[in-house]
Amino acid sequence: MKHNLAFLVILLATISMINAVPHKRATQFGPCTDYGVPPPVSTVTINPDPPTAGASLSINVSGTAASPINQGVIISVAFLDANYNLLGTASIQDFCSQAGISCPVAAGASFTVPTITTTAPPTINPGTILGINIGDPSGNTNPVQCAMAHL
């Protein structure tokens, strides 16, 4: 009986230690929820994952255009708080001037944006959102592509 009890205590201690070790989970990007009809989600990877507060962040974006992507479209990367207020400064670049991108990008064509480097805000609280938006800089239309992740 003492052996069973000792085994049980060791087993529970081991399980407790395993659960205490932080597990790295890849940040999951999904559709942007702000739009009535969410545009297709781009494939997004970030490094480091998860982002480190105040540190440099590399972002890779690729996807397939559901509709044509024309001249004048921008790609923006922004950190938002849980109330969708901008944290820090958004990174905004002309989509069509990115290396390897030739506009217009036809509907159904694949695209890969060269690595975008930005800086994470000084604090990343639960509920912080990382959003990537490819669309009209005026904001008058739904984005062509959009992805967001809750950090």
C-alpha atoms as a PDB file:
ATOM      1  CA  MET A   1       0.000   0.000   0.000  1.00  0.00           C
ATOM      2  CA  LYS A   2       2.852   2.389   0.834  1.00  0.00           C
ATOM      3  CA  HIS A   3       4.397   1.688  -2.573  1.00  0.00           C
ATOM      4  CA  ASN A   4       1.144   2.558  -4.334  1.00  0.00           C
ATOM      5  CA  LEU A   5       0.844   5.788  -2.377  1.00  0.00           C
ATOM      6  CA  ALA A   6       4.459   6.742  -3.130  1.00  0.00           C
ATOM      7  CA  PHE A   7       3.928   5.969  -6.811  1.00  0.00           C
ATOM      8  CA  LEU A   8       0.769   8.077  -6.857  1.00  0.00           C
ATOM      9  CA  VAL A   9       2.525  11.041  -5.202  1.00  0.00           C
ATOM     10  CA  ILE A  10       5.421  10.856  -7.704  1.00  0.00           C
ATOM     11  CA  LEU A  11       3.006  10.545 -10.624  1.00  0.00           C
ATOM     12  CA  LEU A  12       0.976  13.576  -9.507  1.00  0.00           C
ATOM     13  CA  ALA A  13       4.140  15.620  -8.904  1.00  0.00           C
ATOM     14  CA  THR A  14       5.392  14.762 -12.402  1.00  0.00           C
ATOM     15  CA  ILE A  15       2.087  15.727 -14.024  1.00  0.00           C
ATOM     16  CA  SER A  16       2.068  18.971 -12.039  1.00  0.00           C
ATOM     17  CA  MET A  17       5.588  19.834 -13.256  1.00  0.00           C
ATOM     18  CA  ILE A  18       4.685  19.079 -16.874  1.00  0.00           C
ATOM     19  CA  ASN A  19       1.680  21.400 -16.674  1.00  0.00           C
ATOM     20  CA  ALA A  20       3.826  24.132 -15.074  1.00  0.00           C
ATOM     21  CA  VAL A  21       6.271  24.215 -18.011  1.00  0.00           C
ATOM     22  CA  PRO A  22       5.118  26.832 -20.535  1.00  0.00           C
ATOM     23  CA  HIS A  23       4.103  25.323 -23.857  1.00  0.00           C
ATOM     24  CA  LYS A  24       4.843  27.270 -27.016  1.00  0.00           C
ATOM     25  CA  ARG A  25       1.733  27.458 -29.163  1.00  0.00           C
ATOM     26  CA  ALA A  26       1.804  29.024 -32.597  1.00  0.00           C
ATOM     27  CA  THR A  27      -0.230  32.213 -32.836  1.00  0.00           C
ATOM     28  CA  GLN A  28      -3.465  31.401 -34.667  1.00  0.00           C
ATOM     29  CA  PHE A  29      -4.619  33.942 -37.250  1.00  0.00           C
ATOM     30  CA  GLY A  30      -8.225  33.950 -38.379  1.00  0.00           C
ATOM     31  CA  PRO A  31     -10.661  36.148 -40.270  1.00  0.00           C
ATOM     32  CA  CYS A  32     -11.121  39.756 -39.258  1.00  0.00           C
ATOM     33  CA  THR A  33     -14.386  40.022 -37.386  1.00  0.00           C
ATOM     34  CA  ASP A  34     -15.074  43.713 -38.080  1.00  0.00           C
ATOM     35  CA  TYR A  35     -16.471  43.219 -41.564  1.00  0.00           C
ATOM     36  CA  GLY A  36     -19.930  41.978 -42.560  1.00  0.00           C
ATOM     37  CA  VAL A  37     -18.455  39.509 -45.032  1.00  0.00           C
ATOM     38  CA  PRO A  38     -14.970  38.581 -43.860  1.00  0.00           C
ATOM     39  CA  PRO A  39     -12.472  38.594 -46.718  1.00  0.00           C
ATOM     40  CA  PRO A  40     -10.298  35.532 -47.250  1.00  0.00           C
ATOM     41  CA  VAL A  41      -7.676  35.008 -44.582  1.00  0.00           C
ATOM     42  CA  SER A  42      -4.074  35.387 -45.611  1.00  0.00           C
ATOM     43  CA  THR A  43      -1.492  32.941 -44.318  1.00  0.00           C
ATOM     44  CA  VAL A  44       0.530  34.711 -41.644  1.00  0.00           C
ATOM     45  CA  THR A  45       3.596  33.587 -39.696  1.00  0.00           C
ATOM     46  CA  ILE A  46       5.440  35.680 -37.137  1.00  0.00           C
ATOM     47  CA  ASN A  47       8.857  35.510 -35.511  1.00  0.00           C
ATOM     48  CA  PRO A  48       9.244  35.480 -32.570  1.00  0.00           C
ATOM     49  CA  ASP A  49       6.034  33.637 -31.850  1.00  0.00           C
ATOM     50  CA  PRO A  50       4.520  34.819 -29.584  1.00  0.00           C
ATOM     51  CA  PRO A  51       5.648  38.447 -30.031  1.00  0.00           C
ATOM     52  CA  THR A  52       7.880  39.944 -27.354  1.00  0.00           C
ATOM     53  CA  ALA A  53       6.753  43.298 -25.943  1.00  0.00           C
ATOM     54  CA  GLY A  54       8.861  46.172 -27.266  1.00  0.00           C
ATOM     55  CA  ALA A  55      10.911  43.917 -29.555  1.00  0.00           C
ATOM     56  CA  SER A  56      11.258  43.590 -33.305  1.00  0.00           C
ATOM     57  CA  LEU A  57       8.740  41.304 -35.014  1.00  0.00           C
ATOM     58  CA  SER A  58       9.090  39.715 -38.469  1.00  0.00           C
ATOM     59  CA  ILE A  59       5.864  38.963 -40.310  1.00  0.00           C
ATOM     60  CA  ASN A  60       5.393  36.831 -43.423  1.00  0.00           C
ATOM     61  CA  VAL A  61       2.128  37.058 -45.359  1.00  0.00           C
ATOM     62  CA  SER A  62       0.944  35.026 -48.324  1.00  0.00           C
ATOM     63  CA  GLY A  63      -2.377  34.179 -49.820  1.00  0.00           C
ATOM     64  CA  THR A  64      -4.548  33.775 -52.877  1.00  0.00           C
ATOM     65  CA  ALA A  65      -6.396  36.821 -54.133  1.00  0.00           C
ATOM     66  CA  ALA A  66     -10.166  36.242 -54.037  1.00  0.00           C
ATOM     67  CA  SER A  67     -10.610  39.387 -56.130  1.00  0.00           C
ATOM     68  CA  PRO A  68      -8.110  41.441 -58.128  1.00  0.00           C
ATOM     69  CA  ILE A  69      -5.567  43.428 -56.122  1.00  0.00           C
ATOM     70  CA  ASN A  70      -4.971  46.694 -57.963  1.00  0.00           C
ATOM     71  CA  GLN A  71      -2.509  49.584 -57.764  1.00  0.00           C
ATOM     72  CA  GLY A  72      -2.937  51.805 -54.704  1.00  0.00           C
ATOM     73  CA  VAL A  73      -3.682  48.966 -52.280  1.00  0.00           C
ATOM     74  CA  ILE A  74      -1.735  48.985 -49.002  1.00  0.00           C
ATOM     75  CA  ILE A  75      -0.691  46.347 -46.526  1.00  0.00           C
ATOM     76  CA  SER A  76      -0.898  47.417 -42.907  1.00  0.00           C
ATOM     77  CA  VAL A  77       0.185  45.725 -39.699  1.00  0.00           C
ATOM     78  CA  ALA A  78      -1.192  47.002 -36.406  1.00  0.00           C
ATOM     79  CA  PHE A  79      -1.413  46.048 -32.759  1.00  0.00           C
ATOM     80  CA  LEU A  80      -4.748  46.890 -31.148  1.00  0.00           C
ATOM     81  CA  ASP A  81      -6.025  46.684 -27.600  1.00  0.00           C
ATOM     82  CA  ALA A  82      -9.173  44.725 -26.730  1.00  0.00           C
ATOM     83  CA  ASN A  83     -11.271  47.823 -27.589  1.00  0.00           C
ATOM     84  CA  TYR A  84      -9.622  48.101 -31.055  1.00  0.00           C
ATOM     85  CA  ASN A  85      -7.558  51.167 -30.110  1.00  0.00           C
ATOM     86  CA  LEU A  86      -4.232  51.377 -31.931  1.00  0.00           C
ATOM     87  CA  LEU A  87      -1.194  50.509 -29.810  1.00  0.00           C
ATOM     88  CA  GLY A  88       1.904  52.280 -31.061  1.00  0.00           C
ATOM     89  CA  THR A  89       2.266  53.011 -34.757  1.00  0.00           C
ATOM     90  CA  ALA A  90       0.856  50.896 -37.573  1.00  0.00           C
ATOM     91  CA  SER A  91       3.240  49.722 -40.283  1.00  0.00           C
ATOM     92  CA  ILE A  92       1.739  50.789 -43.623  1.00  0.00           C
ATOM     93  CA  GLN A  93       3.334  49.943 -46.965  1.00  0.00           C
ATOM     94  CA  ASP A  94       2.286  50.044 -50.604  1.00  0.00           C
ATOM     95  CA  PHE A  95       1.341  46.472 -51.488  1.00  0.00           C
ATOM     96  CA  CYS A  96       2.200  46.702 -55.177  1.00  0.00           C
ATOM     97  CA  SER A  97       5.703  48.110 -54.598  1.00  0.00           C
ATOM     98  CA  GLN A  98       6.781  45.058 -52.563  1.00  0.00           C
ATOM     99  CA  ALA A  99       9.558  42.985 -54.134  1.00  0.00           C
ATOM    100  CA  GLY A 100       8.118  40.109 -56.137  1.00  0.00           C
ATOM    101  CA  ILE A 101       4.602  41.598 -56.326  1.00  0.00           C
ATOM    102  CA  SER A 102       3.309  42.625 -59.727  1.00  0.00           C
ATOM    103  CA  CYS A 103      -0.039  44.434 -59.757  1.00  0.00           C
ATOM    104  CA  PRO A 104      -2.707  43.879 -60.641  1.00  0.00           C
ATOM    105  CA  VAL A 105      -2.728  40.504 -58.906  1.00  0.00           C
ATOM    106  CA  ALA A 106      -5.450  38.527 -60.663  1.00  0.00           C
ATOM    107  CA  ALA A 107      -8.248  36.849 -58.741  1.00  0.00           C
ATOM    108  CA  GLY A 108      -7.112  33.312 -57.942  1.00  0.00           C
ATOM    109  CA  ALA A 109      -3.416  34.191 -58.189  1.00  0.00           C
ATOM    110  CA  SER A 110      -1.086  33.501 -55.282  1.00  0.00           C
ATOM    111  CA  PHE A 111       1.055  36.203 -53.726  1.00  0.00           C
ATOM    112  CA  THR A 112       3.814  36.352 -51.134  1.00  0.00           C
ATOM    113  CA  VAL A 113       4.755  39.596 -49.425  1.00  0.00           C
ATOM    114  CA  PRO A 114       8.430  39.944 -48.458  1.00  0.00           C
ATOM    115  CA  THR A 115       9.074  39.891 -44.717  1.00  0.00           C
ATOM    116  CA  ILE A 116       7.641  42.914 -42.930  1.00  0.00           C
ATOM    117  CA  THR A 117       9.506  44.031 -39.821  1.00  0.00           C
ATOM    118  CA  THR A 118       7.762  46.069 -37.147  1.00  0.00           C
ATOM    119  CA  THR A 119       8.085  46.677 -33.412  1.00  0.00           C
ATOM    120  CA  ALA A 120       5.659  45.220 -30.913  1.00  0.00           C
ATOM    121  CA  PRO A 121       4.145  47.654 -28.400  1.00  0.00           C
ATOM    122  CA  PRO A 122       5.905  48.062 -25.030  1.00  0.00           C
ATOM    123  CA  THR A 123       3.254  45.930 -23.327  1.00  0.00           C
ATOM    124  CA  ILE A 124       1.204  43.057 -24.718  1.00  0.00           C
ATOM    125  CA  ASN A 125      -1.765  42.425 -22.451  1.00  0.00           C
ATOM    126  CA  PRO A 126      -4.290  39.603 -22.713  1.00  0.00           C
ATOM    127  CA  GLY A 127      -6.710  40.583 -25.467  1.00  0.00           C
ATOM    128  CA  THR A 128      -4.114  42.420 -27.561  1.00  0.00           C
ATOM    129  CA  ILE A 129      -4.833  41.925 -31.261  1.00  0.00           C
ATOM    130  CA  LEU A 130      -2.330  41.702 -34.120  1.00  0.00           C
ATOM    131  CA  GLY A 131      -4.032  42.590 -37.398  1.00  0.00           C
ATOM    132  CA  ILE A 132      -2.796  42.400 -40.990  1.00  0.00           C
ATOM    133  CA  ASN A 133      -4.913  44.152 -43.600  1.00  0.00           C
ATOM    134  CA  ILE A 134      -4.502  44.368 -47.380  1.00  0.00           C
ATOM    135  CA  GLY A 135      -6.899  46.924 -48.794  1.00  0.00           C
ATOM    136  CA  ASP A 136      -7.887  50.384 -49.940  1.00  0.00           C
ATOM    137  CA  PRO A 137      -6.013  53.053 -47.939  1.00  0.00           C
ATOM    138  CA  SER A 138      -9.182  55.168 -47.702  1.00  0.00           C
ATOM    139  CA  GLY A 139     -10.864  52.413 -45.694  1.00  0.00           C
ATOM    140  CA  ASN A 140     -14.067  52.953 -47.700  1.00  0.00           C
ATOM    141  CA  THR A 141     -14.288  49.333 -48.808  1.00  0.00           C
ATOM    142  CA  ASN A 142     -13.810  45.970 -47.157  1.00  0.00           C
ATOM    143  CA  PRO A 143     -10.210  44.783 -47.281  1.00  0.00           C
ATOM    144  CA  VAL A 144      -9.028  42.473 -50.024  1.00  0.00           C
ATOM    145  CA  GLN A 145      -7.371  40.199 -47.473  1.00  0.00           C
ATOM    146  CA  CYS A 146      -7.383  40.397 -43.711  1.00  0.00           C
ATOM    147  CA  ALA A 147      -6.172  38.327 -40.767  1.00  0.00           C
ATOM    148  CA  MET A 148      -6.111  38.876 -37.025  1.00  0.00           C
ATOM    149  CA  ALA A 149      -4.864  37.071 -33.963  1.00  0.00           C
ATOM    150  CA  HIS A 150      -5.673  37.522 -30.294  1.00  0.00           C
ATOM    151  CA  LEU A 151      -2.398  37.363 -28.404  1.00  0.00           C
END
